[in-house]
Amino acid sequence: MPEMKRRAGRAQISRSDPAPSRWSYRVHRILLTPLYRRLLRFGIPFTICFVGATSYLSQAHVQQKIWLTAVDLREQFETRSEFMVKLLAVEGASTAVAEAIHDGFPYRLPASSFDMELDDVRRAVENLPAVASAAVRLRQGGVLEVRVQERQPVALLRTRAGLQVIDIDGVVIGVAPSRAARPDLPVLTGKGADVHVAEALEIRNAAGPLRLRLRGLVRMGERRWDVVLDRDQRIMLPVENPIRALERVIVLNESQEMLERDIAAVDMRLAARPTLRMRERAVESWWSVRNMGVGQVSND
């Protein structure tokens, strides 16, 4: 009997022991871990929401509805009156160039400014032969301003295709129907003339008293210039210092009226030895006079 009482007392003591078991202790420790608590608080709800949203948005009709809604909202925003371009204003251009810009404008107005690429508009304007540069900006009131700097015509280039109007860089701006259409511009011709327009203009400006007789300049051998005057006279300039050579010819002409005589060309290619080329009839007249003089001397 005493032994049975002792066993019963031990069993009662073991059942009332408050210490946790090993597994309950481990579970309790895991629940107290910060990472596990964050996972329960945020991770599991986020995963459930993400899976649900993904499942819903993966449906084709839902995606189409969202896309159409976004497109409609964007269109409503971009087509608001403050974003619409209603007028194209061209500044600094002549009437012909302004008409060409309006005709070649790549957009149909009114149009949203979001649909316009200002760089494309600028490049389209600068592609016009008569335009040197352009600047494009949006102004208040739905106005697209295009400010143009035109190329200035400085000469006529005679080619097999006809007379072309060119600027200082040799860029073709337009076409002249005849020489009389632009009498204020000098005529250039010859291979390479369009590359040395600035030099040709310097020679023309240095012509001074001969400018009224000047008919044009010819580029010879892509190296030098010939000044063409009326009465089919030429001044053949050297490669180096052509203006100085032309000034010498002007001085000789003013002092001796050299170009008023029956001379076909003045060759200044050799600075130390200027050469005059007489016309054929002048040479024949000179020989006739010389022969007559020689005959009189022999008769005497």
C-alpha atoms as a PDB file:
ATOM      1  CA  MET A   1       0.000   0.000   0.000  1.00  0.00           C
ATOM      2  CA  PRO A   2       2.669   2.519   0.792  1.00  0.00           C
ATOM      3  CA  GLU A   3       4.314   1.783  -2.544  1.00  0.00           C
ATOM      4  CA  MET A   4       1.067   2.472  -4.448  1.00  0.00           C
ATOM      5  CA  LYS A   5       0.617   5.740  -2.621  1.00  0.00           C
ATOM      6  CA  ARG A   6       4.087   6.828  -3.566  1.00  0.00           C
ATOM      7  CA  ARG A   7       3.469   6.084  -7.277  1.00  0.00           C
ATOM      8  CA  ALA A   8       0.164   7.929  -7.237  1.00  0.00           C
ATOM      9  CA  GLY A   9       1.851  10.922  -5.639  1.00  0.00           C
ATOM     10  CA  ARG A  10       4.553  10.921  -8.301  1.00  0.00           C
ATOM     11  CA  ALA A  11       1.960  10.757 -11.117  1.00  0.00           C
ATOM     12  CA  GLN A  12       0.053  13.639  -9.556  1.00  0.00           C
ATOM     13  CA  ILE A  13       3.236  15.691  -9.285  1.00  0.00           C
ATOM     14  CA  SER A  14       4.170  14.983 -12.938  1.00  0.00           C
ATOM     15  CA  ARG A  15       0.729  16.042 -14.213  1.00  0.00           C
ATOM     16  CA  SER A  16       0.821  19.351 -12.417  1.00  0.00           C
ATOM     17  CA  ASP A  17       4.347  20.255 -13.675  1.00  0.00           C
ATOM     18  CA  PRO A  18       4.076  23.744 -15.392  1.00  0.00           C
ATOM     19  CA  ALA A  19       7.265  23.418 -17.483  1.00  0.00           C
ATOM     20  CA  PRO A  20       6.553  23.325 -21.274  1.00  0.00           C
ATOM     21  CA  SER A  21       7.482  20.401 -23.403  1.00  0.00           C
ATOM     22  CA  ARG A  22      10.363  20.601 -25.884  1.00  0.00           C
ATOM     23  CA  TRP A  23       8.118  21.069 -28.948  1.00  0.00           C
ATOM     24  CA  SER A  24       5.932  23.670 -27.300  1.00  0.00           C
ATOM     25  CA  TYR A  25       9.056  25.542 -26.259  1.00  0.00           C
ATOM     26  CA  ARG A  26      10.369  25.545 -29.827  1.00  0.00           C
ATOM     27  CA  VAL A  27       7.048  26.702 -31.268  1.00  0.00           C
ATOM     28  CA  HIS A  28       6.868  29.453 -28.703  1.00  0.00           C
ATOM     29  CA  ARG A  29      10.384  30.630 -29.562  1.00  0.00           C
ATOM     30  CA  ILE A  30       9.546  30.668 -33.290  1.00  0.00           C
ATOM     31  CA  LEU A  31       6.455  32.766 -32.650  1.00  0.00           C
ATOM     32  CA  LEU A  32       8.580  35.273 -30.797  1.00  0.00           C
ATOM     33  CA  THR A  33      11.058  35.617 -33.719  1.00  0.00           C
ATOM     34  CA  PRO A  34      10.781  39.154 -35.360  1.00  0.00           C
ATOM     35  CA  LEU A  35      11.128  37.778 -38.886  1.00  0.00           C
ATOM     36  CA  TYR A  36       8.341  35.269 -38.345  1.00  0.00           C
ATOM     37  CA  ARG A  37       6.093  37.911 -36.838  1.00  0.00           C
ATOM     38  CA  ARG A  38       6.681  40.223 -39.845  1.00  0.00           C
ATOM     39  CA  LEU A  39       5.935  37.323 -42.148  1.00  0.00           C
ATOM     40  CA  LEU A  40       2.623  36.685 -40.452  1.00  0.00           C
ATOM     41  CA  ARG A  41       1.728  40.388 -40.337  1.00  0.00           C
ATOM     42  CA  PHE A  42       2.815  41.451 -43.827  1.00  0.00           C
ATOM     43  CA  GLY A  43       4.136  38.595 -45.924  1.00  0.00           C
ATOM     44  CA  ILE A  44       1.138  36.295 -45.924  1.00  0.00           C
ATOM     45  CA  PRO A  45      -1.441  39.085 -46.563  1.00  0.00           C
ATOM     46  CA  PHE A  46       0.709  40.518 -49.353  1.00  0.00           C
ATOM     47  CA  THR A  47       1.086  37.100 -50.969  1.00  0.00           C
ATOM     48  CA  ILE A  48      -2.639  36.497 -50.843  1.00  0.00           C
ATOM     49  CA  CYS A  49      -3.382  39.935 -52.354  1.00  0.00           C
ATOM     50  CA  PHE A  50      -0.720  39.533 -55.020  1.00  0.00           C
ATOM     51  CA  VAL A  51      -1.966  36.133 -56.110  1.00  0.00           C
ATOM     52  CA  GLY A  52      -5.553  37.405 -56.205  1.00  0.00           C
ATOM     53  CA  ALA A  53      -4.663  40.542 -58.190  1.00  0.00           C
ATOM     54  CA  THR A  54      -2.505  38.574 -60.617  1.00  0.00           C
ATOM     55  CA  SER A  55      -5.265  36.077 -61.184  1.00  0.00           C
ATOM     56  CA  TYR A  56      -7.762  38.889 -61.808  1.00  0.00           C
ATOM     57  CA  LEU A  57      -5.543  40.987 -64.060  1.00  0.00           C
ATOM     58  CA  SER A  58      -4.462  38.014 -66.152  1.00  0.00           C
ATOM     59  CA  GLN A  59      -7.918  37.852 -67.693  1.00  0.00           C
ATOM     60  CA  ALA A  60      -8.020  39.233 -71.253  1.00  0.00           C
ATOM     61  CA  HIS A  61     -11.230  41.257 -70.916  1.00  0.00           C
ATOM     62  CA  VAL A  62      -9.930  42.905 -67.745  1.00  0.00           C
ATOM     63  CA  GLN A  63      -6.657  43.884 -69.444  1.00  0.00           C
ATOM     64  CA  GLN A  64      -8.539  45.307 -72.429  1.00  0.00           C
ATOM     65  CA  LYS A  65     -10.820  47.326 -70.189  1.00  0.00           C
ATOM     66  CA  ILE A  66      -7.885  48.778 -68.244  1.00  0.00           C
ATOM     67  CA  TRP A  67      -6.036  49.625 -71.478  1.00  0.00           C
ATOM     68  CA  LEU A  68      -9.042  51.395 -73.003  1.00  0.00           C
ATOM     69  CA  THR A  69      -9.579  53.355 -69.815  1.00  0.00           C
ATOM     70  CA  ALA A  70      -5.941  54.471 -69.731  1.00  0.00           C
ATOM     71  CA  VAL A  71      -6.013  55.487 -73.404  1.00  0.00           C
ATOM     72  CA  ASP A  72      -9.232  57.440 -72.901  1.00  0.00           C
ATOM     73  CA  LEU A  73      -7.817  59.271 -69.875  1.00  0.00           C
ATOM     74  CA  ARG A  74      -4.630  60.116 -71.734  1.00  0.00           C
ATOM     75  CA  GLU A  75      -6.551  61.403 -74.744  1.00  0.00           C
ATOM     76  CA  GLN A  76      -8.759  63.541 -72.552  1.00  0.00           C
ATOM     77  CA  PHE A  77      -5.693  65.045 -70.907  1.00  0.00           C
ATOM     78  CA  GLU A  78      -3.673  65.658 -74.081  1.00  0.00           C
ATOM     79  CA  THR A  79      -6.563  67.208 -75.994  1.00  0.00           C
ATOM     80  CA  ARG A  80      -7.306  69.830 -73.408  1.00  0.00           C
ATOM     81  CA  SER A  81      -7.481  73.331 -74.868  1.00  0.00           C
ATOM     82  CA  GLU A  82      -4.276  74.514 -73.174  1.00  0.00           C
ATOM     83  CA  PHE A  83      -2.311  71.764 -74.917  1.00  0.00           C
ATOM     84  CA  MET A  84      -3.766  72.235 -78.422  1.00  0.00           C
ATOM     85  CA  VAL A  85      -1.781  73.934 -81.212  1.00  0.00           C
ATOM     86  CA  LYS A  86      -4.149  75.905 -83.393  1.00  0.00           C
ATOM     87  CA  LEU A  87      -1.929  78.266 -85.390  1.00  0.00           C
ATOM     88  CA  LEU A  88       1.456  78.161 -87.141  1.00  0.00           C
ATOM     89  CA  ALA A  89       3.301  81.495 -87.094  1.00  0.00           C
ATOM     90  CA  VAL A  90       6.393  81.959 -89.296  1.00  0.00           C
ATOM     91  CA  GLU A  91       8.720  84.815 -88.355  1.00  0.00           C
ATOM     92  CA  GLY A  92      11.672  86.250 -90.297  1.00  0.00           C
ATOM     93  CA  ALA A  93      10.830  84.614 -93.624  1.00  0.00           C
ATOM     94  CA  SER A  94       9.859  86.033 -96.976  1.00  0.00           C
ATOM     95  CA  THR A  95       6.420  85.386 -98.420  1.00  0.00           C
ATOM     96  CA  ALA A  96       7.601  82.552-100.665  1.00  0.00           C
ATOM     97  CA  VAL A  97       9.499  80.802 -97.877  1.00  0.00           C
ATOM     98  CA  ALA A  98       6.608  81.214 -95.442  1.00  0.00           C
ATOM     99  CA  GLU A  99       4.237  79.627 -97.956  1.00  0.00           C
ATOM    100  CA  ALA A 100       6.677  76.756 -98.472  1.00  0.00           C
ATOM    101  CA  ILE A 101       6.854  76.190 -94.704  1.00  0.00           C
ATOM    102  CA  HIS A 102       3.054  76.141 -94.389  1.00  0.00           C
ATOM    103  CA  ASP A 103       2.730  73.770 -97.344  1.00  0.00           C
ATOM    104  CA  GLY A 104       5.362  71.393 -95.984  1.00  0.00           C
ATOM    105  CA  PHE A 105       4.204  71.446 -92.352  1.00  0.00           C
ATOM    106  CA  PRO A 106       4.070  67.778 -91.283  1.00  0.00           C
ATOM    107  CA  TYR A 107       1.034  68.088 -88.961  1.00  0.00           C
ATOM    108  CA  ARG A 108      -2.584  69.001 -89.500  1.00  0.00           C
ATOM    109  CA  LEU A 109      -3.829  71.750 -87.196  1.00  0.00           C
ATOM    110  CA  PRO A 110      -5.376  71.851 -84.692  1.00  0.00           C
ATOM    111  CA  ALA A 111      -3.254  69.158 -83.083  1.00  0.00           C
ATOM    112  CA  SER A 112      -2.108  68.270 -79.585  1.00  0.00           C
ATOM    113  CA  SER A 113       1.353  69.470 -78.630  1.00  0.00           C
ATOM    114  CA  PHE A 114       1.999  65.991 -77.219  1.00  0.00           C
ATOM    115  CA  ASP A 115       1.702  64.565 -80.746  1.00  0.00           C
ATOM    116  CA  MET A 116       4.278  66.999 -82.180  1.00  0.00           C
ATOM    117  CA  GLU A 117       8.029  66.536 -82.301  1.00  0.00           C
ATOM    118  CA  LEU A 118       9.496  70.034 -82.404  1.00  0.00           C
ATOM    119  CA  ASP A 119      12.856  68.702 -83.623  1.00  0.00           C
ATOM    120  CA  ASP A 120      11.121  67.087 -86.601  1.00  0.00           C
ATOM    121  CA  VAL A 121       9.419  70.392 -87.413  1.00  0.00           C
ATOM    122  CA  ARG A 122      12.745  72.253 -87.177  1.00  0.00           C
ATOM    123  CA  ARG A 123      14.512  69.732 -89.419  1.00  0.00           C
ATOM    124  CA  ALA A 124      11.695  69.888 -91.975  1.00  0.00           C
ATOM    125  CA  VAL A 125      12.001  73.688 -92.132  1.00  0.00           C
ATOM    126  CA  GLU A 126      15.805  73.608 -92.358  1.00  0.00           C
ATOM    127  CA  ASN A 127      15.570  71.153 -95.262  1.00  0.00           C
ATOM    128  CA  LEU A 128      14.171  73.956 -97.397  1.00  0.00           C
ATOM    129  CA  PRO A 129      16.950  75.287 -99.664  1.00  0.00           C
ATOM    130  CA  ALA A 130      16.318  78.923 -98.755  1.00  0.00           C
ATOM    131  CA  VAL A 131      16.511  78.357 -94.978  1.00  0.00           C
ATOM    132  CA  ALA A 132      19.843  78.576 -93.179  1.00  0.00           C
ATOM    133  CA  SER A 133      18.554  77.820 -89.679  1.00  0.00           C
ATOM    134  CA  ALA A 134      15.270  77.659 -87.783  1.00  0.00           C
ATOM    135  CA  ALA A 135      14.065  77.753 -84.181  1.00  0.00           C
ATOM    136  CA  VAL A 136      10.727  76.295 -83.094  1.00  0.00           C
ATOM    137  CA  ARG A 137       8.868  76.989 -79.841  1.00  0.00           C
ATOM    138  CA  LEU A 138       5.350  76.874 -78.429  1.00  0.00           C
ATOM    139  CA  ARG A 139       3.706  80.124 -77.402  1.00  0.00           C
ATOM    140  CA  GLN A 140       0.707  80.731 -75.229  1.00  0.00           C
ATOM    141  CA  GLY A 141      -2.636  80.638 -76.945  1.00  0.00           C
ATOM    142  CA  GLY A 142      -1.903  77.523 -78.993  1.00  0.00           C
ATOM    143  CA  VAL A 143       0.612  79.147 -81.364  1.00  0.00           C
ATOM    144  CA  LEU A 144       3.597  77.273 -82.769  1.00  0.00           C
ATOM    145  CA  GLU A 145       6.252  79.840 -83.688  1.00  0.00           C
ATOM    146  CA  VAL A 146       8.863  79.074 -86.327  1.00  0.00           C
ATOM    147  CA  ARG A 147      11.609  81.702 -86.470  1.00  0.00           C
ATOM    148  CA  VAL A 148      13.591  81.457 -89.698  1.00  0.00           C
ATOM    149  CA  GLN A 149      16.941  82.793 -90.796  1.00  0.00           C
ATOM    150  CA  GLU A 150      17.012  82.757 -94.578  1.00  0.00           C
ATOM    151  CA  ARG A 151      20.013  82.268 -96.802  1.00  0.00           C
ATOM    152  CA  GLN A 152      20.970  85.473 -98.558  1.00  0.00           C
ATOM    153  CA  PRO A 153      21.477  85.285-102.342  1.00  0.00           C
ATOM    154  CA  VAL A 154      24.883  86.644-103.317  1.00  0.00           C
ATOM    155  CA  ALA A 155      25.563  85.295-106.805  1.00  0.00           C
ATOM    156  CA  LEU A 156      24.251  83.432-109.819  1.00  0.00           C
ATOM    157  CA  LEU A 157      25.882  80.131-110.713  1.00  0.00           C
ATOM    158  CA  ARG A 158      25.737  79.291-114.397  1.00  0.00           C
ATOM    159  CA  THR A 159      25.573  75.544-115.070  1.00  0.00           C
ATOM    160  CA  ARG A 160      24.314  73.368-117.869  1.00  0.00           C
ATOM    161  CA  ALA A 161      20.934  73.332-116.134  1.00  0.00           C
ATOM    162  CA  GLY A 162      20.739  77.133-116.225  1.00  0.00           C
ATOM    163  CA  LEU A 163      21.199  79.941-113.725  1.00  0.00           C
ATOM    164  CA  GLN A 164      21.005  79.005-110.059  1.00  0.00           C
ATOM    165  CA  VAL A 165      20.834  81.456-107.174  1.00  0.00           C
ATOM    166  CA  ILE A 166      23.412  80.599-104.474  1.00  0.00           C
ATOM    167  CA  ASP A 167      24.420  81.979-101.100  1.00  0.00           C
ATOM    168  CA  ILE A 168      27.867  82.660 -99.635  1.00  0.00           C
ATOM    169  CA  ASP A 169      28.363  78.941 -98.912  1.00  0.00           C
ATOM    170  CA  GLY A 170      27.494  77.919-102.452  1.00  0.00           C
ATOM    171  CA  VAL A 171      24.141  76.404-101.445  1.00  0.00           C
ATOM    172  CA  VAL A 172      21.545  76.606-104.207  1.00  0.00           C
ATOM    173  CA  ILE A 173      18.602  78.702-103.019  1.00  0.00           C
ATOM    174  CA  GLY A 174      16.557  78.902-106.174  1.00  0.00           C
ATOM    175  CA  VAL A 175      16.571  79.271-109.932  1.00  0.00           C
ATOM    176  CA  ALA A 176      16.760  82.466-111.976  1.00  0.00           C
ATOM    177  CA  PRO A 177      14.838  82.364-115.255  1.00  0.00           C
ATOM    178  CA  SER A 178      17.297  84.763-116.894  1.00  0.00           C
ATOM    179  CA  ARG A 179      20.226  87.045-116.171  1.00  0.00           C
ATOM    180  CA  ALA A 180      17.902  90.039-116.305  1.00  0.00           C
ATOM    181  CA  ALA A 181      15.887  88.629-113.402  1.00  0.00           C
ATOM    182  CA  ARG A 182      18.760  89.300-110.958  1.00  0.00           C
ATOM    183  CA  PRO A 183      20.984  92.001-112.449  1.00  0.00           C
ATOM    184  CA  ASP A 184      22.270  92.860-108.963  1.00  0.00           C
ATOM    185  CA  LEU A 185      24.088  89.525-108.567  1.00  0.00           C
ATOM    186  CA  PRO A 186      27.379  88.565-110.241  1.00  0.00           C
ATOM    187  CA  VAL A 187      27.549  85.511-112.450  1.00  0.00           C
ATOM    188  CA  LEU A 188      29.955  82.714-111.529  1.00  0.00           C
ATOM    189  CA  THR A 189      30.781  79.705-113.606  1.00  0.00           C
ATOM    190  CA  GLY A 190      33.377  76.986-113.904  1.00  0.00           C
ATOM    191  CA  LYS A 191      34.098  73.841-111.933  1.00  0.00           C
ATOM    192  CA  GLY A 192      34.545  74.611-108.245  1.00  0.00           C
ATOM    193  CA  ALA A 193      33.042  78.107-108.495  1.00  0.00           C
ATOM    194  CA  ASP A 194      30.384  77.287-105.888  1.00  0.00           C
ATOM    195  CA  VAL A 195      33.088  76.343-103.372  1.00  0.00           C
ATOM    196  CA  HIS A 196      34.938  79.703-103.583  1.00  0.00           C
ATOM    197  CA  VAL A 197      32.031  82.142-103.644  1.00  0.00           C
ATOM    198  CA  ALA A 198      33.519  84.342-100.910  1.00  0.00           C
ATOM    199  CA  GLU A 199      36.748  84.816-102.870  1.00  0.00           C
ATOM    200  CA  ALA A 200      34.792  85.670-106.004  1.00  0.00           C
ATOM    201  CA  LEU A 201      32.831  88.333-104.122  1.00  0.00           C
ATOM    202  CA  GLU A 202      36.061  89.863-102.814  1.00  0.00           C
ATOM    203  CA  ILE A 203      37.375  90.095-106.375  1.00  0.00           C
ATOM    204  CA  ARG A 204      34.108  91.656-107.531  1.00  0.00           C
ATOM    205  CA  ASN A 205      34.210  94.220-104.752  1.00  0.00           C
ATOM    206  CA  ALA A 206      37.809  95.072-105.645  1.00  0.00           C
ATOM    207  CA  ALA A 207      36.873  95.651-109.302  1.00  0.00           C
ATOM    208  CA  GLY A 208      35.872  99.211-108.451  1.00  0.00           C
ATOM    209  CA  PRO A 209      35.731 101.249-111.705  1.00  0.00           C
ATOM    210  CA  LEU A 210      35.416  98.068-113.758  1.00  0.00           C
ATOM    211  CA  ARG A 211      32.284  96.865-111.997  1.00  0.00           C
ATOM    212  CA  LEU A 212      29.955  98.384-114.593  1.00  0.00           C
ATOM    213  CA  ARG A 213      31.774  96.433-117.271  1.00  0.00           C
ATOM    214  CA  LEU A 214      31.939  93.226-115.229  1.00  0.00           C
ATOM    215  CA  ARG A 215      29.973  90.345-116.743  1.00  0.00           C
ATOM    216  CA  GLY A 216      31.072  87.518-114.501  1.00  0.00           C
ATOM    217  CA  LEU A 217      33.880  85.429-113.059  1.00  0.00           C
ATOM    218  CA  VAL A 218      35.053  82.079-114.367  1.00  0.00           C
ATOM    219  CA  ARG A 219      36.791  79.505-112.194  1.00  0.00           C
ATOM    220  CA  MET A 220      39.693  78.098-114.181  1.00  0.00           C
ATOM    221  CA  GLY A 221      41.115  74.668-113.408  1.00  0.00           C
ATOM    222  CA  GLU A 222      39.609  74.806-109.915  1.00  0.00           C
ATOM    223  CA  ARG A 223      42.602  76.990-109.006  1.00  0.00           C
ATOM    224  CA  ARG A 224      42.098  80.615-110.033  1.00  0.00           C
ATOM    225  CA  TRP A 225      39.659  83.175-111.501  1.00  0.00           C
ATOM    226  CA  ASP A 226      39.199  84.952-114.786  1.00  0.00           C
ATOM    227  CA  VAL A 227      37.357  88.282-114.694  1.00  0.00           C
ATOM    228  CA  VAL A 228      35.115  88.568-117.752  1.00  0.00           C
ATOM    229  CA  LEU A 229      34.329  92.104-118.979  1.00  0.00           C
ATOM    230  CA  ASP A 230      32.126  93.329-121.761  1.00  0.00           C
ATOM    231  CA  ARG A 231      33.526  93.415-125.308  1.00  0.00           C
ATOM    232  CA  ASP A 232      34.792  89.830-124.623  1.00  0.00           C
ATOM    233  CA  GLN A 233      37.758  90.999-122.595  1.00  0.00           C
ATOM    234  CA  ARG A 234      39.286  88.936-119.815  1.00  0.00           C
ATOM    235  CA  ILE A 235      41.608  89.588-116.932  1.00  0.00           C
ATOM    236  CA  MET A 236      43.428  86.365-116.067  1.00  0.00           C
ATOM    237  CA  LEU A 237      44.218  86.486-112.355  1.00  0.00           C
ATOM    238  CA  PRO A 238      46.897  84.423-110.577  1.00  0.00           C
ATOM    239  CA  VAL A 239      46.287  81.793-107.895  1.00  0.00           C
ATOM    240  CA  GLU A 240      47.984  83.875-105.225  1.00  0.00           C
ATOM    241  CA  ASN A 241      46.969  87.469-104.465  1.00  0.00           C
ATOM    242  CA  PRO A 242      44.335  87.829-107.196  1.00  0.00           C
ATOM    243  CA  ILE A 243      43.001  91.077-105.738  1.00  0.00           C
ATOM    244  CA  ARG A 244      46.411  92.720-105.860  1.00  0.00           C
ATOM    245  CA  ALA A 245      46.814  91.679-109.504  1.00  0.00           C
ATOM    246  CA  LEU A 246      43.397  93.121-110.338  1.00  0.00           C
ATOM    247  CA  GLU A 247      44.300  96.399-108.638  1.00  0.00           C
ATOM    248  CA  ARG A 248      47.423  96.628-110.841  1.00  0.00           C
ATOM    249  CA  VAL A 249      45.254  96.213-113.933  1.00  0.00           C
ATOM    250  CA  ILE A 250      42.908  98.957-112.720  1.00  0.00           C
ATOM    251  CA  VAL A 251      45.855 101.312-112.175  1.00  0.00           C
ATOM    252  CA  LEU A 252      47.227 100.588-115.671  1.00  0.00           C
ATOM    253  CA  ASN A 253      43.822 101.113-117.194  1.00  0.00           C
ATOM    254  CA  GLU A 254      43.328 104.444-115.446  1.00  0.00           C
ATOM    255  CA  SER A 255      46.746 105.701-116.462  1.00  0.00           C
ATOM    256  CA  GLN A 256      46.959 104.351-120.024  1.00  0.00           C
ATOM    257  CA  GLU A 257      43.368 103.380-120.879  1.00  0.00           C
ATOM    258  CA  MET A 258      44.634  99.893-121.570  1.00  0.00           C
ATOM    259  CA  LEU A 259      41.253  98.179-121.592  1.00  0.00           C
ATOM    260  CA  GLU A 260      39.836 100.751-124.002  1.00  0.00           C
ATOM    261  CA  ARG A 261      42.064  99.353-126.703  1.00  0.00           C
ATOM    262  CA  ASP A 262      41.506  96.302-128.891  1.00  0.00           C
ATOM    263  CA  ILE A 263      42.777  93.836-126.260  1.00  0.00           C
ATOM    264  CA  ALA A 264      41.353  90.347-125.775  1.00  0.00           C
ATOM    265  CA  ALA A 265      42.956  89.487-122.428  1.00  0.00           C
ATOM    266  CA  VAL A 266      45.299  90.752-119.763  1.00  0.00           C
ATOM    267  CA  ASP A 267      47.332  87.872-118.365  1.00  0.00           C
ATOM    268  CA  MET A 268      48.418  88.548-114.788  1.00  0.00           C
ATOM    269  CA  ARG A 269      49.282  84.978-113.868  1.00  0.00           C
ATOM    270  CA  LEU A 270      52.958  85.921-113.766  1.00  0.00           C
ATOM    271  CA  ALA A 271      53.216  88.943-111.524  1.00  0.00           C
ATOM    272  CA  ALA A 272      56.663  89.880-112.821  1.00  0.00           C
ATOM    273  CA  ARG A 273      55.589  89.746-116.466  1.00  0.00           C
ATOM    274  CA  PRO A 274      52.043  90.891-117.257  1.00  0.00           C
ATOM    275  CA  THR A 275      51.024  89.963-120.783  1.00  0.00           C
ATOM    276  CA  LEU A 276      48.530  91.568-123.154  1.00  0.00           C
ATOM    277  CA  ARG A 277      46.764  89.429-125.718  1.00  0.00           C
ATOM    278  CA  MET A 278      45.623  91.393-128.748  1.00  0.00           C
ATOM    279  CA  ARG A 279      42.638  90.501-130.871  1.00  0.00           C
ATOM    280  CA  GLU A 280      43.254  88.945-134.243  1.00  0.00           C
ATOM    281  CA  ARG A 281      42.065  91.972-136.187  1.00  0.00           C
ATOM    282  CA  ALA A 282      44.247  94.245-134.039  1.00  0.00           C
ATOM    283  CA  VAL A 283      47.277  92.054-134.778  1.00  0.00           C
ATOM    284  CA  GLU A 284      46.507  92.155-138.497  1.00  0.00           C
ATOM    285  CA  SER A 285      46.170  95.941-138.371  1.00  0.00           C
ATOM    286  CA  TRP A 286      49.436  96.216-136.499  1.00  0.00           C
ATOM    287  CA  TRP A 287      51.230  94.063-139.063  1.00  0.00           C
ATOM    288  CA  SER A 288      49.719  96.095-141.897  1.00  0.00           C
ATOM    289  CA  VAL A 289      50.925  99.342-140.353  1.00  0.00           C
ATOM    290  CA  ARG A 290      54.342  97.824-139.709  1.00  0.00           C
ATOM    291  CA  ASN A 291      54.639  96.526-143.265  1.00  0.00           C
ATOM    292  CA  MET A 292      53.629  99.903-144.630  1.00  0.00           C
ATOM    293  CA  GLY A 293      56.319 101.544-142.529  1.00  0.00           C
ATOM    294  CA  VAL A 294      58.919  99.056-143.673  1.00  0.00           C
ATOM    295  CA  GLY A 295      57.927  99.635-147.358  1.00  0.00           C
ATOM    296  CA  GLN A 296      58.292 103.399-147.047  1.00  0.00           C
ATOM    297  CA  VAL A 297      61.698 103.048-145.491  1.00  0.00           C
ATOM    298  CA  SER A 298      62.894 100.696-148.253  1.00  0.00           C
ATOM    299  CA  ASN A 299      61.612 103.028-151.014  1.00  0.00           C
ATOM    300  CA  ASP A 300      63.437 105.940-149.495  1.00  0.00           C
END
